Each structure stands twice: as structure tokens, then as C-alpha cells.
Protein backbone atom coordinates (compact mmCIF):
# COMPACT_ATOMS: atom_id res chain seq x y z
CA ARG A 1 -14.78 -40.08 -24.22
CA LEU A 2 -16.00 -38.92 -27.66
CA GLY A 3 -17.77 -42.15 -27.98
CA VAL A 4 -15.29 -43.46 -30.76
CA ASP A 5 -13.72 -46.85 -30.71
CA THR A 6 -10.17 -45.75 -31.01
CA THR A 7 -8.74 -49.48 -31.02
CA SER A 8 -9.44 -49.94 -34.82
CA LEU A 9 -7.71 -46.34 -35.43
CA ILE A 10 -4.71 -47.02 -33.57
CA ALA A 11 -4.17 -50.58 -35.34
CA LEU A 12 -4.87 -48.59 -38.66
CA LEU A 13 -2.00 -45.91 -37.77
CA GLY A 14 0.21 -48.67 -36.64
CA ALA A 15 -0.24 -50.39 -40.19
CA ALA A 16 0.36 -47.29 -42.04
CA GLY A 17 3.32 -46.61 -39.90
CA ILE A 18 4.72 -49.81 -40.57
CA ALA A 19 4.00 -49.61 -44.42
CA VAL A 20 5.73 -46.04 -44.67
CA GLY A 21 8.62 -47.44 -42.60
CA LEU A 22 9.27 -50.33 -45.22
CA ALA A 23 8.67 -47.85 -48.10
CA LEU A 24 11.30 -45.57 -46.79
CA LYS A 25 13.54 -48.19 -45.78
CA ASP A 26 15.55 -48.52 -49.04
CA SER A 27 15.39 -44.60 -49.57
CA LEU A 28 16.88 -43.95 -46.09
CA GLY A 29 19.57 -46.75 -46.73
CA ASN A 30 20.38 -45.18 -49.86
CA PHE A 31 20.81 -41.78 -48.29
CA ALA A 32 22.87 -42.97 -45.40
CA ALA A 33 25.25 -44.77 -47.83
CA GLY A 34 25.16 -41.46 -49.72
CA ILE A 35 26.29 -39.68 -46.84
CA MET A 36 29.17 -42.39 -46.04
CA LEU A 37 30.27 -42.00 -49.65
CA ILE A 38 30.62 -38.32 -49.30
CA VAL A 39 32.40 -38.58 -46.08
CA SER A 40 34.78 -41.68 -46.70
CA ARG A 41 35.00 -40.72 -50.67
CA PRO A 42 36.28 -44.12 -51.88
CA PHE A 43 36.07 -42.53 -55.15
CA ARG A 44 35.43 -39.22 -56.73
CA THR A 45 34.07 -37.59 -60.06
CA GLY A 46 36.08 -38.90 -63.03
CA ASP A 47 37.35 -42.20 -61.59
CA TYR A 48 37.06 -45.39 -63.24
CA VAL A 49 35.21 -47.81 -60.67
CA GLU A 50 33.58 -51.03 -60.43
CA VAL A 51 30.62 -51.22 -58.06
CA ALA A 52 27.75 -53.26 -57.25
CA GLY A 53 28.28 -55.03 -60.79
CA SER A 54 28.57 -52.28 -62.97
CA ALA A 55 31.71 -50.52 -64.21
CA GLY A 56 32.36 -47.18 -65.56
CA SER A 57 33.50 -43.56 -64.96
CA VAL A 58 31.99 -41.65 -62.05
CA GLU A 59 29.88 -38.78 -63.51
CA LYS A 60 27.82 -37.56 -60.50
CA ILE A 61 27.46 -38.85 -56.74
CA SER A 62 24.28 -37.71 -55.17
CA LEU A 63 22.79 -38.40 -51.88
CA PHE A 64 20.80 -41.48 -52.97
CA THR A 65 22.41 -42.65 -56.30
CA THR A 66 25.68 -42.62 -58.19
CA THR A 67 25.75 -42.10 -62.06
CA LEU A 68 28.50 -43.91 -63.94
CA LEU A 69 29.10 -43.35 -67.64
CA THR A 70 30.48 -46.70 -69.53
CA PRO A 71 33.45 -46.46 -72.15
CA ASP A 72 30.65 -47.22 -74.90
CA ASN A 73 28.41 -44.14 -73.47
CA ARG A 74 25.81 -45.90 -71.52
CA GLU A 75 24.53 -44.01 -68.41
CA ILE A 76 24.03 -46.51 -65.31
CA THR A 77 22.59 -45.15 -62.14
CA VAL A 78 23.36 -47.43 -59.18
CA PRO A 79 21.62 -47.03 -55.67
CA ASN A 80 24.17 -46.00 -53.05
CA GLY A 81 23.06 -48.44 -50.55
CA ALA A 82 24.11 -51.29 -53.10
CA ILE A 83 27.58 -49.43 -53.63
CA TYR A 84 28.27 -49.14 -49.94
CA ALA A 85 27.31 -52.81 -49.04
CA ASP A 86 29.60 -54.25 -51.88
CA THR A 87 33.10 -54.50 -52.62
CA ILE A 88 34.54 -51.04 -54.53
CA THR A 89 37.12 -51.12 -57.11
CA ASN A 90 38.75 -48.03 -57.90
CA TRP A 91 40.94 -48.40 -60.86
CA SER A 92 41.76 -44.68 -60.74
CA ALA A 93 42.95 -44.44 -57.48
CA ARG A 94 46.71 -44.63 -58.19
CA ASP A 95 48.75 -43.12 -60.66
CA THR A 96 50.06 -46.28 -62.30
CA ARG A 97 49.04 -49.89 -63.12
CA ARG A 98 50.56 -53.02 -63.99
CA ILE A 99 50.02 -54.69 -67.09
CA ASP A 100 49.80 -58.55 -67.14
CA LEU A 101 50.08 -60.36 -70.65
CA VAL A 102 50.49 -64.20 -70.96
CA ILE A 103 52.18 -65.03 -74.29
CA GLY A 104 52.32 -68.58 -75.34
CA ILE A 105 54.93 -70.01 -77.75
CA SER A 106 55.51 -73.26 -79.36
CA TYR A 107 57.82 -75.77 -77.58
CA GLU A 108 59.99 -76.05 -80.81
CA ASP A 109 61.04 -72.38 -80.51
CA ASN A 110 63.68 -70.81 -79.17
CA LEU A 111 63.04 -69.62 -75.62
CA ALA A 112 65.79 -67.05 -75.29
CA THR A 113 64.96 -65.68 -78.87
CA ALA A 114 61.32 -65.27 -77.64
CA LYS A 115 62.34 -63.39 -74.61
CA GLN A 116 64.44 -61.14 -76.23
CA VAL A 117 61.93 -60.29 -78.91
CA ILE A 118 59.52 -59.44 -76.12
CA GLU A 119 61.94 -57.23 -74.55
CA SER A 120 62.93 -55.28 -77.42
CA VAL A 121 59.07 -54.55 -78.16
CA LEU A 122 58.91 -53.23 -74.42
CA ALA A 123 62.01 -51.14 -74.95
CA ARG A 124 60.53 -49.44 -77.73
CA GLU A 125 57.13 -48.93 -75.98
CA GLU A 126 57.46 -45.08 -74.68
CA ARG A 127 54.56 -45.39 -72.12
CA VAL A 128 56.03 -48.56 -70.35
CA LEU A 129 57.62 -46.77 -67.18
CA GLU A 130 61.18 -47.23 -66.27
CA ASP A 131 60.80 -47.18 -62.40
CA ASN A 132 59.91 -50.65 -62.28
CA PRO A 133 61.86 -52.77 -64.90
CA PRO A 134 59.92 -55.12 -67.04
CA LEU A 135 59.55 -58.76 -66.10
CA VAL A 136 59.65 -61.42 -68.95
CA GLY A 137 59.82 -65.20 -67.48
CA VAL A 138 58.15 -68.52 -67.76
CA LEU A 139 54.87 -68.70 -66.38
CA GLU A 140 54.10 -72.63 -67.09
CA LEU A 141 54.65 -75.38 -69.39
CA ALA A 142 50.92 -75.82 -70.72
CA ASP A 143 49.72 -78.51 -72.63
CA ASN A 144 50.03 -76.95 -75.95
CA SER A 145 52.57 -74.09 -75.34
CA VAL A 146 55.31 -72.37 -73.19
CA ASN A 147 53.54 -69.57 -71.61
CA LEU A 148 55.56 -66.40 -70.77
CA THR A 149 54.43 -63.74 -68.29
CA VAL A 150 55.03 -60.06 -69.29
CA ARG A 151 54.74 -57.58 -66.44
CA VAL A 152 55.17 -53.82 -67.00
CA TRP A 153 53.88 -50.58 -65.36
CA THR A 154 52.23 -47.63 -66.98
CA LYS A 155 50.43 -44.36 -66.08
CA ALA A 156 46.76 -45.35 -64.94
CA GLY A 157 45.31 -43.51 -68.03
CA ASP A 158 47.54 -45.26 -70.47
CA TYR A 159 46.69 -48.67 -69.56
CA PHE A 160 44.23 -50.04 -72.12
CA ALA A 161 45.89 -48.12 -75.03
CA THR A 162 49.25 -49.60 -73.82
CA LYS A 163 47.88 -53.03 -73.30
CA LEU A 164 46.61 -53.36 -76.86
CA ALA A 165 49.70 -51.93 -78.28
CA LEU A 166 52.10 -54.35 -76.58
CA THR A 167 49.94 -57.20 -77.69
CA GLU A 168 49.88 -56.37 -81.25
CA ASN A 169 53.52 -55.31 -81.50
CA ILE A 170 54.43 -58.81 -79.86
CA LYS A 171 52.31 -60.41 -82.29
CA LEU A 172 54.02 -58.78 -85.18
CA ALA A 173 57.49 -59.29 -83.84
CA PHE A 174 57.00 -62.95 -83.30
CA ASP A 175 55.85 -62.98 -87.01
CA GLU A 176 59.14 -61.57 -88.00
CA ALA A 177 61.12 -63.63 -86.05
CA ASP A 178 59.28 -66.90 -87.23
CA ILE A 179 58.21 -67.60 -83.47
CA THR A 180 54.81 -69.62 -83.43
CA ILE A 181 52.11 -68.71 -81.02
CA PRO A 182 50.26 -72.09 -80.89
CA TYR A 183 46.61 -73.01 -80.57
CA PRO A 184 45.17 -76.18 -78.86
CA GLN A 185 45.48 -79.22 -81.12
CA ILE A 186 44.41 -82.81 -80.67
CA GLN A 187 46.76 -85.70 -82.07
CA VAL A 188 44.66 -88.95 -82.58
CA HIS A 189 46.76 -92.08 -82.86
CA THR A 190 44.66 -94.80 -84.56
CA LYS A 191 45.72 -98.79 -84.31
CA ASN A 192 44.83 -101.23 -86.93
CA SER A 193 42.65 -104.02 -85.60
CA GLN A 194 40.59 -106.77 -86.89
CA LEU A 195 37.06 -106.99 -86.59
CA VAL A 196 35.75 -110.17 -85.34
CA LYS A 197 32.14 -111.15 -85.76
CA SER A 198 30.37 -113.02 -82.85
CA ASP A 199 28.37 -115.98 -83.62
CA PRO A 200 24.97 -115.42 -82.19
CA SER A 201 24.42 -119.12 -81.79
CA ARG A 202 27.20 -119.47 -79.31
């Protein structure tokens, strides 16, 4: 009625609406994921988590992003959409964690003695929980060693410190007991042979 061609104007508004929608798609997705994270609470502030390829302690959960603090004091901001669309591993969700160690000994060493040495180290470590008895057994007969598995439980907050202490103390105890922790070796056997030169004329 006003003498203005509205076809181009409608097309322009439609294109602008699509552009705005695409631009807000990720933001709206992050917003919706943030709401779901707050409601479902798969982790809380202070938990140590692994999400969307990043790991660290949760420092802040906002509507659009979650901030992680790594053990070496790096701050990582992760979009909530990426978190909610991926697997969430919460290392702090339970009060206790299991430590799994694999200790190799030489085939020439006494297996029973090696197990006793490990068990004595475990008994001296106060952070190892007694509710679940420690497990020490043969895991596999590998190419270069007899691999023993060591499984103990500790409080979640003591996990890393206890694991480091056990690894070091087992090594020191093995040194005192003359138990060898082998490393990969290759034995090469040669056979004497006579080199025969071929006659190129034949």
C-alpha cells in the first residue's frame, strides 16, 4: 500500500534472523547445558574432574562456561555445551580410590620374597586403608619380567601422595632385599659362517 517492495525487505529480515540464530546457537547450547549441569550436579566446586579433554579442579560453574584449575595453576575455561556432550569423569565423587601399581621383578628373583617385601611396605604405609585388604599377586609372565599387581585403597585426597610414596618405598625395599627390577634387554646370538664369493662368470 505504501508503494514499497516488501519482498526484498522480508528476504533481508529472514536472512538476518537466520544469521542471528546461527550466531546464538552455541551460546544457547552452552546456556542450556549450564542449566543442566547446575540441576543434575555431576560435579561441584572443588571436585577434580576430567571433561571435554581437560582435567583440573572445578573453580567456578557459570551458565555458559566452567572454569578448571590445573595442578600446575593453569586456568582452563570450558564451554558447558562441550562438557555436557562428552563423558564426565569425577575423581572426587567418592571418598576412596584404588591405587593400581605394576611392579616387575626378574625371573631369577624369589617370587615369595618379593611379595613379602611389598606387603611389608604396604603395612608401614598409614594412608593405606584396612577396610579393603591389599592385593599382591602375579599379573603376567612378561617377556623380560614377572609383573606383580599391587592394589590398595586410600582416601581420595591422599591418592597421588600415597601412590608416589609406595612406588618409591617399594623400589628402596627391593634394593635392600637385592630384588631386581629388570628393564628390556635383547640377547643376540651369532653363528660363525664362511663367506663364499660368487663367480660372476657363472
